[in-house]
């Protein structure tokens, strides 16, 4: 009985010793060997052995990690802006032991976030507030370049930096809205001016065409052409009166149109000449009396 108990104790101790000796490093991690409080090196992912009770394996994550952050900064023209962005980074496997020895496993909050915020504030202060919108790609490229240098010096690799959104003050938002309205009004005025100029040009072209027609007609203006033009535009109705001036003849075409055709009138009889007046006879009695006297 004692033999079986002793055997069981030995087996149990063996299992405990084996468990303390064998360690499995997770995929995407680097194992940092720490013996008696000192960093001894690193080991790759998978099954590894260590000195039980003396040596420890600290696993450091080498996968891509994303940090979503929001930082308030001031532009070159002293305008407040709040920027939301995402930073993707990796811990280099070769630097895992040094990072663990100098910083520990809380390196993101201790060193990375302060670096990102300081870099972003520095780059933002180089641009006026309107350029953060109009030159967003350039701002993002400048921040990415600065972060790559800062991360590499500390054993990290910057995968990507993305600006999610800008948040401006209410006053600046109102100013942007006013500028947008003014630009729309200016564009509308320019379009109206272009339309008016186009219509004026069309009127000029029509006037030129009419002038050419009149010039051509003036060259071809003869009695025959005038008569043909009058006939072409005549609607078949005679005017009521036609005359030129007070000395001319005025004709009533209504009376002419209302007359019916009749036989020609007989010529008027020629009047006979009047008979000559009788010559008075002389009074001989009076003559004789005068002679007697």
C-alpha atoms as a PDB file:
ATOM      1  CA  UNK A   1       0.000   0.000   0.000  1.00  0.00           C
ATOM      2  CA  UNK A   2       2.823   2.330   0.864  1.00  0.00           C
ATOM      3  CA  UNK A   3       4.472   1.412  -2.449  1.00  0.00           C
ATOM      4  CA  UNK A   4       1.366   2.417  -4.413  1.00  0.00           C
ATOM      5  CA  UNK A   5       1.051   5.674  -2.516  1.00  0.00           C
ATOM      6  CA  UNK A   6       4.703   6.517  -3.133  1.00  0.00           C
ATOM      7  CA  UNK A   7       4.311   5.708  -6.810  1.00  0.00           C
ATOM      8  CA  UNK A   8       1.269   7.963  -7.063  1.00  0.00           C
ATOM      9  CA  UNK A   9       3.103  10.821  -5.393  1.00  0.00           C
ATOM     10  CA  UNK A  10       6.023  10.460  -7.777  1.00  0.00           C
ATOM     11  CA  UNK A  11       3.743  10.448 -10.802  1.00  0.00           C
ATOM     12  CA  UNK A  12       1.917  13.522  -9.535  1.00  0.00           C
ATOM     13  CA  UNK A  13       5.165  15.347  -8.974  1.00  0.00           C
ATOM     14  CA  UNK A  14       6.245  14.350 -12.467  1.00  0.00           C
ATOM     15  CA  UNK A  15       3.071  15.773 -13.977  1.00  0.00           C
ATOM     16  CA  UNK A  16       3.493  19.013 -12.054  1.00  0.00           C
ATOM     17  CA  UNK A  17       7.132  19.224 -13.096  1.00  0.00           C
ATOM     18  CA  UNK A  18       6.275  18.561 -16.735  1.00  0.00           C
ATOM     19  CA  UNK A  19       3.580  21.222 -16.658  1.00  0.00           C
ATOM     20  CA  UNK A  20       6.026  23.683 -15.226  1.00  0.00           C
ATOM     21  CA  UNK A  21       8.610  22.795 -17.858  1.00  0.00           C
ATOM     22  CA  UNK A  22       6.524  22.903 -21.060  1.00  0.00           C
ATOM     23  CA  UNK A  23       5.084  26.210 -22.383  1.00  0.00           C
ATOM     24  CA  UNK A  24       3.134  26.898 -25.574  1.00  0.00           C
ATOM     25  CA  UNK A  25       3.650  30.312 -27.233  1.00  0.00           C
ATOM     26  CA  UNK A  26       0.462  31.441 -29.025  1.00  0.00           C
ATOM     27  CA  UNK A  27       0.435  32.190 -32.774  1.00  0.00           C
ATOM     28  CA  UNK A  28       1.449  35.731 -33.625  1.00  0.00           C
ATOM     29  CA  UNK A  29       3.343  36.126 -30.365  1.00  0.00           C
ATOM     30  CA  UNK A  30       6.956  36.148 -29.244  1.00  0.00           C
ATOM     31  CA  UNK A  31       8.012  34.500 -25.980  1.00  0.00           C
ATOM     32  CA  UNK A  32      10.408  36.552 -23.844  1.00  0.00           C
ATOM     33  CA  UNK A  33      12.504  34.395 -21.508  1.00  0.00           C
ATOM     34  CA  UNK A  34      12.832  35.839 -18.016  1.00  0.00           C
ATOM     35  CA  UNK A  35      15.049  33.903 -15.567  1.00  0.00           C
ATOM     36  CA  UNK A  36      15.354  35.068 -12.013  1.00  0.00           C
ATOM     37  CA  UNK A  37      14.104  38.539 -12.952  1.00  0.00           C
ATOM     38  CA  UNK A  38      16.411  39.005 -15.938  1.00  0.00           C
ATOM     39  CA  UNK A  39      15.512  38.974 -19.639  1.00  0.00           C
ATOM     40  CA  UNK A  40      17.463  36.168 -21.292  1.00  0.00           C
ATOM     41  CA  UNK A  41      16.162  36.303 -24.848  1.00  0.00           C
ATOM     42  CA  UNK A  42      13.135  35.311 -26.921  1.00  0.00           C
ATOM     43  CA  UNK A  43      11.554  32.226 -28.364  1.00  0.00           C
ATOM     44  CA  UNK A  44       9.211  31.728 -31.287  1.00  0.00           C
ATOM     45  CA  UNK A  45       5.589  30.592 -31.311  1.00  0.00           C
ATOM     46  CA  UNK A  46       4.766  26.946 -30.561  1.00  0.00           C
ATOM     47  CA  UNK A  47       5.922  24.422 -27.933  1.00  0.00           C
ATOM     48  CA  UNK A  48       8.955  25.458 -25.887  1.00  0.00           C
ATOM     49  CA  UNK A  49      10.670  24.342 -22.668  1.00  0.00           C
ATOM     50  CA  UNK A  50      11.792  26.372 -19.704  1.00  0.00           C
ATOM     51  CA  UNK A  51      13.472  25.788 -16.368  1.00  0.00           C
ATOM     52  CA  UNK A  52      10.612  25.095 -13.968  1.00  0.00           C
ATOM     53  CA  UNK A  53       9.991  27.487 -11.100  1.00  0.00           C
ATOM     54  CA  UNK A  54      12.936  29.694 -12.152  1.00  0.00           C
ATOM     55  CA  UNK A  55      12.338  30.709 -15.757  1.00  0.00           C
ATOM     56  CA  UNK A  56       9.175  32.367 -17.133  1.00  0.00           C
ATOM     57  CA  UNK A  57       7.981  32.900 -20.681  1.00  0.00           C
ATOM     58  CA  UNK A  58       6.254  36.261 -21.226  1.00  0.00           C
ATOM     59  CA  UNK A  59       4.220  36.338 -24.429  1.00  0.00           C
ATOM     60  CA  UNK A  60       4.329  39.593 -26.462  1.00  0.00           C
ATOM     61  CA  UNK A  61       1.716  40.231 -29.170  1.00  0.00           C
ATOM     62  CA  UNK A  62       3.179  40.824 -32.651  1.00  0.00           C
ATOM     63  CA  UNK A  63      -0.168  40.991 -34.473  1.00  0.00           C
ATOM     64  CA  UNK A  64      -1.579  44.149 -36.019  1.00  0.00           C
ATOM     65  CA  UNK A  65      -3.375  46.204 -33.406  1.00  0.00           C
ATOM     66  CA  UNK A  66      -5.712  49.132 -34.075  1.00  0.00           C
ATOM     67  CA  UNK A  67      -6.076  52.170 -31.869  1.00  0.00           C
ATOM     68  CA  UNK A  68      -9.084  54.466 -32.386  1.00  0.00           C
ATOM     69  CA  UNK A  69      -8.357  57.841 -30.852  1.00  0.00           C
ATOM     70  CA  UNK A  70      -9.747  61.366 -30.642  1.00  0.00           C
ATOM     71  CA  UNK A  71      -7.437  64.322 -30.127  1.00  0.00           C
ATOM     72  CA  UNK A  72      -8.132  68.019 -29.724  1.00  0.00           C
ATOM     73  CA  UNK A  73      -5.599  70.275 -31.442  1.00  0.00           C
ATOM     74  CA  UNK A  74      -5.118  73.899 -32.481  1.00  0.00           C
ATOM     75  CA  UNK A  75      -4.444  75.003 -36.054  1.00  0.00           C
ATOM     76  CA  UNK A  76      -1.961  77.627 -37.212  1.00  0.00           C
ATOM     77  CA  UNK A  77      -4.645  80.312 -37.153  1.00  0.00           C
ATOM     78  CA  UNK A  78      -5.566  79.352 -33.554  1.00  0.00           C
ATOM     79  CA  UNK A  79      -8.762  77.485 -34.391  1.00  0.00           C
ATOM     80  CA  UNK A  80      -9.757  74.517 -32.223  1.00  0.00           C
ATOM     81  CA  UNK A  81     -10.369  71.219 -33.995  1.00  0.00           C
ATOM     82  CA  UNK A  82     -11.122  67.722 -32.721  1.00  0.00           C
ATOM     83  CA  UNK A  83      -9.835  64.897 -34.918  1.00  0.00           C
ATOM     84  CA  UNK A  84     -10.947  61.263 -34.834  1.00  0.00           C
ATOM     85  CA  UNK A  85      -8.514  58.764 -36.390  1.00  0.00           C
ATOM     86  CA  UNK A  86      -7.310  55.144 -36.382  1.00  0.00           C
ATOM     87  CA  UNK A  87      -3.708  53.947 -35.999  1.00  0.00           C
ATOM     88  CA  UNK A  88      -2.739  50.383 -36.949  1.00  0.00           C
ATOM     89  CA  UNK A  89       0.647  49.174 -35.718  1.00  0.00           C
ATOM     90  CA  UNK A  90       2.706  46.060 -34.941  1.00  0.00           C
ATOM     91  CA  UNK A  91       5.338  45.223 -32.336  1.00  0.00           C
ATOM     92  CA  UNK A  92       8.477  44.001 -34.083  1.00  0.00           C
ATOM     93  CA  UNK A  93       9.443  40.463 -32.899  1.00  0.00           C
ATOM     94  CA  UNK A  94      13.118  41.434 -32.637  1.00  0.00           C
ATOM     95  CA  UNK A  95      12.244  44.310 -30.319  1.00  0.00           C
ATOM     96  CA  UNK A  96       9.894  42.328 -28.081  1.00  0.00           C
ATOM     97  CA  UNK A  97      12.480  41.580 -25.400  1.00  0.00           C
ATOM     98  CA  UNK A  98      13.719  45.190 -25.232  1.00  0.00           C
ATOM     99  CA  UNK A  99      10.192  46.614 -25.152  1.00  0.00           C
ATOM    100  CA  UNK A 100       9.245  44.234 -22.346  1.00  0.00           C
ATOM    101  CA  UNK A 101      12.426  45.072 -20.412  1.00  0.00           C
ATOM    102  CA  UNK A 102      12.118  48.887 -20.778  1.00  0.00           C
ATOM    103  CA  UNK A 103       8.384  49.459 -21.002  1.00  0.00           C
ATOM    104  CA  UNK A 104       6.495  46.265 -20.160  1.00  0.00           C
ATOM    105  CA  UNK A 105       3.277  44.928 -21.623  1.00  0.00           C
ATOM    106  CA  UNK A 106       1.305  48.198 -21.250  1.00  0.00           C
ATOM    107  CA  UNK A 107       3.391  49.903 -23.950  1.00  0.00           C
ATOM    108  CA  UNK A 108       0.313  51.199 -25.823  1.00  0.00           C
ATOM    109  CA  UNK A 109      -0.929  53.472 -23.071  1.00  0.00           C
ATOM    110  CA  UNK A 110       2.558  54.316 -21.788  1.00  0.00           C
ATOM    111  CA  UNK A 111       4.320  55.302 -25.002  1.00  0.00           C
ATOM    112  CA  UNK A 112       2.320  54.861 -28.222  1.00  0.00           C
ATOM    113  CA  UNK A 113      -0.746  56.978 -27.525  1.00  0.00           C
ATOM    114  CA  UNK A 114       1.278  59.948 -26.228  1.00  0.00           C
ATOM    115  CA  UNK A 115       3.510  59.754 -29.315  1.00  0.00           C
ATOM    116  CA  UNK A 116       0.514  59.760 -31.644  1.00  0.00           C
ATOM    117  CA  UNK A 117      -1.200  62.672 -29.902  1.00  0.00           C
ATOM    118  CA  UNK A 118       1.966  64.778 -29.791  1.00  0.00           C
ATOM    119  CA  UNK A 119       2.723  64.148 -33.463  1.00  0.00           C
ATOM    120  CA  UNK A 120      -0.828  64.952 -34.522  1.00  0.00           C
ATOM    121  CA  UNK A 121      -0.859  68.241 -32.574  1.00  0.00           C
ATOM    122  CA  UNK A 122       2.486  69.219 -34.061  1.00  0.00           C
ATOM    123  CA  UNK A 123       1.393  68.570 -37.669  1.00  0.00           C
ATOM    124  CA  UNK A 124      -2.008  70.213 -37.192  1.00  0.00           C
ATOM    125  CA  UNK A 125      -0.399  73.415 -35.917  1.00  0.00           C
ATOM    126  CA  UNK A 126       1.369  73.803 -39.281  1.00  0.00           C
ATOM    127  CA  UNK A 127      -1.847  74.203 -41.277  1.00  0.00           C
ATOM    128  CA  UNK A 128      -4.634  76.796 -41.222  1.00  0.00           C
ATOM    129  CA  UNK A 129      -8.015  75.350 -40.451  1.00  0.00           C
ATOM    130  CA  UNK A 130      -9.373  75.496 -44.011  1.00  0.00           C
ATOM    131  CA  UNK A 131      -6.382  73.503 -45.320  1.00  0.00           C
ATOM    132  CA  UNK A 132      -7.232  70.619 -43.022  1.00  0.00           C
ATOM    133  CA  UNK A 133     -10.256  70.089 -45.286  1.00  0.00           C
ATOM    134  CA  UNK A 134      -8.907  71.064 -48.693  1.00  0.00           C
ATOM    135  CA  UNK A 135      -5.539  69.304 -48.157  1.00  0.00           C
ATOM    136  CA  UNK A 136      -6.708  66.369 -46.083  1.00  0.00           C
ATOM    137  CA  UNK A 137      -4.580  63.834 -47.972  1.00  0.00           C
ATOM    138  CA  UNK A 138      -1.452  65.932 -47.491  1.00  0.00           C
ATOM    139  CA  UNK A 139      -2.128  66.325 -43.760  1.00  0.00           C
ATOM    140  CA  UNK A 140      -2.629  62.570 -43.426  1.00  0.00           C
ATOM    141  CA  UNK A 141       0.618  61.882 -45.335  1.00  0.00           C
ATOM    142  CA  UNK A 142       2.614  64.241 -43.090  1.00  0.00           C
ATOM    143  CA  UNK A 143       1.266  62.609 -39.929  1.00  0.00           C
ATOM    144  CA  UNK A 144       1.955  59.129 -41.318  1.00  0.00           C
ATOM    145  CA  UNK A 145       5.576  59.980 -42.150  1.00  0.00           C
ATOM    146  CA  UNK A 146       6.216  61.442 -38.693  1.00  0.00           C
ATOM    147  CA  UNK A 147       4.618  58.458 -36.940  1.00  0.00           C
ATOM    148  CA  UNK A 148       6.611  55.953 -38.982  1.00  0.00           C
ATOM    149  CA  UNK A 149       9.866  57.512 -37.796  1.00  0.00           C
ATOM    150  CA  UNK A 150       8.735  57.709 -34.164  1.00  0.00           C
ATOM    151  CA  UNK A 151       7.404  54.123 -34.113  1.00  0.00           C
ATOM    152  CA  UNK A 152      10.490  52.647 -35.778  1.00  0.00           C
ATOM    153  CA  UNK A 153      12.780  54.236 -33.184  1.00  0.00           C
ATOM    154  CA  UNK A 154      10.868  52.432 -30.446  1.00  0.00           C
ATOM    155  CA  UNK A 155      10.598  49.004 -32.074  1.00  0.00           C
ATOM    156  CA  UNK A 156       7.173  49.271 -33.709  1.00  0.00           C
ATOM    157  CA  UNK A 157       5.915  49.338 -37.296  1.00  0.00           C
ATOM    158  CA  UNK A 158       3.168  51.691 -38.397  1.00  0.00           C
ATOM    159  CA  UNK A 159       0.788  49.896 -40.745  1.00  0.00           C
ATOM    160  CA  UNK A 160      -1.718  52.619 -41.452  1.00  0.00           C
ATOM    161  CA  UNK A 161      -2.976  55.998 -40.273  1.00  0.00           C
ATOM    162  CA  UNK A 162      -6.525  57.020 -41.231  1.00  0.00           C
ATOM    163  CA  UNK A 163      -8.323  60.264 -40.450  1.00  0.00           C
ATOM    164  CA  UNK A 164     -11.947  59.401 -39.732  1.00  0.00           C
ATOM    165  CA  UNK A 165     -13.442  62.858 -39.233  1.00  0.00           C
ATOM    166  CA  UNK A 166     -12.835  66.474 -38.258  1.00  0.00           C
ATOM    167  CA  UNK A 167     -15.011  68.244 -35.704  1.00  0.00           C
ATOM    168  CA  UNK A 168     -14.946  72.046 -35.727  1.00  0.00           C
ATOM    169  CA  UNK A 169     -16.483  74.638 -33.459  1.00  0.00           C
ATOM    170  CA  UNK A 170     -20.030  75.872 -34.025  1.00  0.00           C
ATOM    171  CA  UNK A 171     -18.772  79.320 -35.043  1.00  0.00           C
ATOM    172  CA  UNK A 172     -16.476  77.893 -37.695  1.00  0.00           C
ATOM    173  CA  UNK A 173     -19.224  75.609 -38.955  1.00  0.00           C
ATOM    174  CA  UNK A 174     -21.502  78.624 -39.422  1.00  0.00           C
ATOM    175  CA  UNK A 175     -18.723  80.473 -41.228  1.00  0.00           C
ATOM    176  CA  UNK A 176     -18.225  77.539 -43.590  1.00  0.00           C
ATOM    177  CA  UNK A 177     -21.969  77.481 -44.284  1.00  0.00           C
ATOM    178  CA  UNK A 178     -21.936  81.193 -45.133  1.00  0.00           C
ATOM    179  CA  UNK A 179     -18.981  80.710 -47.462  1.00  0.00           C
ATOM    180  CA  UNK A 180     -20.751  77.831 -49.167  1.00  0.00           C
ATOM    181  CA  UNK A 181     -23.892  79.942 -49.650  1.00  0.00           C
ATOM    182  CA  UNK A 182     -21.825  82.803 -51.070  1.00  0.00           C
ATOM    183  CA  UNK A 183     -20.078  80.455 -53.485  1.00  0.00           C
ATOM    184  CA  UNK A 184     -23.427  79.069 -54.652  1.00  0.00           C
ATOM    185  CA  UNK A 185     -24.777  82.589 -55.193  1.00  0.00           C
ATOM    186  CA  UNK A 186     -21.658  83.561 -57.135  1.00  0.00           C
ATOM    187  CA  UNK A 187     -21.977  80.457 -59.272  1.00  0.00           C
ATOM    188  CA  UNK A 188     -25.661  81.191 -59.919  1.00  0.00           C
ATOM    189  CA  UNK A 189     -24.824  84.789 -60.882  1.00  0.00           C
ATOM    190  CA  UNK A 190     -22.105  83.604 -63.235  1.00  0.00           C
ATOM    191  CA  UNK A 191     -24.511  81.155 -64.866  1.00  0.00           C
ATOM    192  CA  UNK A 192     -27.101  83.925 -65.282  1.00  0.00           C
ATOM    193  CA  UNK A 193     -24.468  86.176 -66.840  1.00  0.00           C
ATOM    194  CA  UNK A 194     -23.456  83.435 -69.252  1.00  0.00           C
ATOM    195  CA  UNK A 195     -27.100  82.902 -70.182  1.00  0.00           C
ATOM    196  CA  UNK A 196     -27.661  86.629 -70.784  1.00  0.00           C
ATOM    197  CA  UNK A 197     -24.498  86.844 -72.873  1.00  0.00           C
ATOM    198  CA  UNK A 198     -25.607  83.830 -74.892  1.00  0.00           C
ATOM    199  CA  UNK A 199     -29.029  85.339 -75.495  1.00  0.00           C
ATOM    200  CA  UNK A 200     -27.488  88.671 -76.498  1.00  0.00           C
ATOM    201  CA  UNK A 201     -25.171  86.904 -78.916  1.00  0.00           C
ATOM    202  CA  UNK A 202     -28.165  85.070 -80.375  1.00  0.00           C
ATOM    203  CA  UNK A 203     -30.011  88.379 -80.806  1.00  0.00           C
ATOM    204  CA  UNK A 204     -26.991  89.859 -82.555  1.00  0.00           C
ATOM    205  CA  UNK A 205     -26.811  86.900 -84.879  1.00  0.00           C
ATOM    206  CA  UNK A 206     -30.508  87.236 -85.725  1.00  0.00           C
ATOM    207  CA  UNK A 207     -30.048  90.969 -86.333  1.00  0.00           C
ATOM    208  CA  UNK A 208     -27.111  90.263 -88.633  1.00  0.00           C
ATOM    209  CA  UNK A 209     -29.167  87.709 -90.532  1.00  0.00           C
ATOM    210  CA  UNK A 210     -32.087  90.115 -90.927  1.00  0.00           C
ATOM    211  CA  UNK A 211     -29.732  92.868 -92.061  1.00  0.00           C
ATOM    212  CA  UNK A 212     -28.247  90.523 -94.660  1.00  0.00           C
ATOM    213  CA  UNK A 213     -31.749  89.672 -95.891  1.00  0.00           C
ATOM    214  CA  UNK A 214     -32.736  93.340 -96.116  1.00  0.00           C
ATOM    215  CA  UNK A 215     -29.498  94.163 -97.886  1.00  0.00           C
ATOM    216  CA  UNK A 216     -30.125  91.419-100.392  1.00  0.00           C
ATOM    217  CA  UNK A 217     -33.718  92.511-100.863  1.00  0.00           C
ATOM    218  CA  UNK A 218     -32.626  96.124-101.368  1.00  0.00           C
ATOM    219  CA  UNK A 219     -30.300  95.006-104.108  1.00  0.00           C
ATOM    220  CA  UNK A 220     -33.119  93.103-105.800  1.00  0.00           C
ATOM    221  CA  UNK A 221     -35.815  95.749-105.134  1.00  0.00           C
ATOM    222  CA  UNK A 222     -37.454  96.396-108.507  1.00  0.00           C
ATOM    223  CA  UNK A 223     -41.014  97.190-109.567  1.00  0.00           C
ATOM    224  CA  UNK A 224     -41.545  93.589-110.586  1.00  0.00           C
ATOM    225  CA  UNK A 225     -40.277  92.279-107.236  1.00  0.00           C
ATOM    226  CA  UNK A 226     -42.371  94.790-105.302  1.00  0.00           C
ATOM    227  CA  UNK A 227     -45.489  93.735-107.200  1.00  0.00           C
ATOM    228  CA  UNK A 228     -44.700  90.048-106.595  1.00  0.00           C
ATOM    229  CA  UNK A 229     -44.156  90.683-102.866  1.00  0.00           C
ATOM    230  CA  UNK A 230     -47.442  92.637-102.657  1.00  0.00           C
ATOM    231  CA  UNK A 231     -49.348  89.850-104.410  1.00  0.00           C
ATOM    232  CA  UNK A 232     -47.732  87.203-102.183  1.00  0.00           C
ATOM    233  CA  UNK A 233     -48.873  88.972 -99.014  1.00  0.00           C
ATOM    234  CA  UNK A 234     -52.305  90.173-100.286  1.00  0.00           C
ATOM    235  CA  UNK A 235     -55.210  88.457 -98.524  1.00  0.00           C
ATOM    236  CA  UNK A 236     -57.674  89.043-101.360  1.00  0.00           C
ATOM    237  CA  UNK A 237     -59.635  91.883 -99.666  1.00  0.00           C
ATOM    238  CA  UNK A 238     -59.694  95.290-101.340  1.00  0.00           C
ATOM    239  CA  UNK A 239     -59.247  98.362 -99.147  1.00  0.00           C
ATOM    240  CA  UNK A 240     -62.247 100.586 -98.486  1.00  0.00           C
ATOM    241  CA  UNK A 241     -60.569 103.810 -99.568  1.00  0.00           C
ATOM    242  CA  UNK A 242     -57.342 104.516-101.344  1.00  0.00           C
ATOM    243  CA  UNK A 243     -55.844 107.937-101.904  1.00  0.00           C
ATOM    244  CA  UNK A 244     -52.621 109.823-101.633  1.00  0.00           C
ATOM    245  CA  UNK A 245     -53.311 113.424-100.539  1.00  0.00           C
ATOM    246  CA  UNK A 246     -56.021 116.098-100.464  1.00  0.00           C
ATOM    247  CA  UNK A 247     -55.519 116.852-104.131  1.00  0.00           C
ATOM    248  CA  UNK A 248     -55.675 113.231-105.230  1.00  0.00           C
ATOM    249  CA  UNK A 249     -58.635 111.087-106.078  1.00  0.00           C
ATOM    250  CA  UNK A 250     -60.241 108.956-103.325  1.00  0.00           C
ATOM    251  CA  UNK A 251     -62.113 105.885-104.446  1.00  0.00           C
ATOM    252  CA  UNK A 252     -64.670 103.980-102.394  1.00  0.00           C
ATOM    253  CA  UNK A 253     -64.112 100.335-103.361  1.00  0.00           C
ATOM    254  CA  UNK A 254     -67.193  99.235-101.443  1.00  0.00           C
ATOM    255  CA  UNK A 255     -69.365 101.273-103.773  1.00  0.00           C
ATOM    256  CA  UNK A 256     -67.528  99.874-106.750  1.00  0.00           C
ATOM    257  CA  UNK A 257     -67.926  96.301-105.516  1.00  0.00           C
ATOM    258  CA  UNK A 258     -71.684  96.925-104.842  1.00  0.00           C
ATOM    259  CA  UNK A 259     -72.427  98.172-108.309  1.00  0.00           C
ATOM    260  CA  UNK A 260     -74.091  95.785-110.734  1.00  0.00           C
ATOM    261  CA  UNK A 261     -73.160  95.916-114.424  1.00  0.00           C
ATOM    262  CA  UNK A 262     -75.783  97.822-116.604  1.00  0.00           C
ATOM    263  CA  UNK A 263     -76.291  98.949-120.238  1.00  0.00           C
ATOM    264  CA  UNK A 264     -74.388 101.988-121.339  1.00  0.00           C
ATOM    265  CA  UNK A 265     -76.374 105.242-120.956  1.00  0.00           C
ATOM    266  CA  UNK A 266     -77.785 106.985-124.143  1.00  0.00           C
ATOM    267  CA  UNK A 267     -75.940 110.093-125.211  1.00  0.00           C
ATOM    268  CA  UNK A 268     -77.585 113.332-124.088  1.00  0.00           C
ATOM    269  CA  UNK A 269     -79.415 115.312-126.882  1.00  0.00           C
ATOM    270  CA  UNK A 270     -77.527 118.235-128.307  1.00  0.00           C
ATOM    271  CA  UNK A 271     -79.298 121.472-127.325  1.00  0.00           C
ATOM    272  CA  UNK A 272     -80.515 123.692-130.201  1.00  0.00           C
ATOM    273  CA  UNK A 273     -79.059 127.149-130.434  1.00  0.00           C
ATOM    274  CA  UNK A 274     -81.396 129.882-129.140  1.00  0.00           C
ATOM    275  CA  UNK A 275     -83.361 131.963-131.699  1.00  0.00           C
ATOM    276  CA  UNK A 276     -82.116 135.507-132.296  1.00  0.00           C
ATOM    277  CA  UNK A 277     -84.087 138.272-130.602  1.00  0.00           C
ATOM    278  CA  UNK A 278     -86.339 140.344-132.972  1.00  0.00           C
ATOM    279  CA  UNK A 279     -85.021 143.742-134.013  1.00  0.00           C
ATOM    280  CA  UNK A 280     -87.343 146.576-132.959  1.00  0.00           C
ATOM    281  CA  UNK A 281     -88.869 148.694-135.809  1.00  0.00           C
ATOM    282  CA  UNK A 282     -88.090 152.417-135.859  1.00  0.00           C
ATOM    283  CA  UNK A 283     -90.844 154.915-134.857  1.00  0.00           C
ATOM    284  CA  UNK A 284     -91.289 157.036-138.004  1.00  0.00           C
ATOM    285  CA  UNK A 285     -93.868 159.320-136.417  1.00  0.00           C
ATOM    286  CA  UNK A 286     -91.435 160.637-133.933  1.00  0.00           C
ATOM    287  CA  UNK A 287     -88.861 161.253-136.678  1.00  0.00           C
ATOM    288  CA  UNK A 288     -91.285 163.234-138.756  1.00  0.00           C
ATOM    289  CA  UNK A 289     -92.240 165.413-135.820  1.00  0.00           C
ATOM    290  CA  UNK A 290     -88.677 166.207-135.179  1.00  0.00           C
ATOM    291  CA  UNK A 291     -88.093 167.109-138.784  1.00  0.00           C
ATOM    292  CA  UNK A 292     -91.085 169.503-138.752  1.00  0.00           C
ATOM    293  CA  UNK A 293     -89.750 171.266-135.844  1.00  0.00           C
END
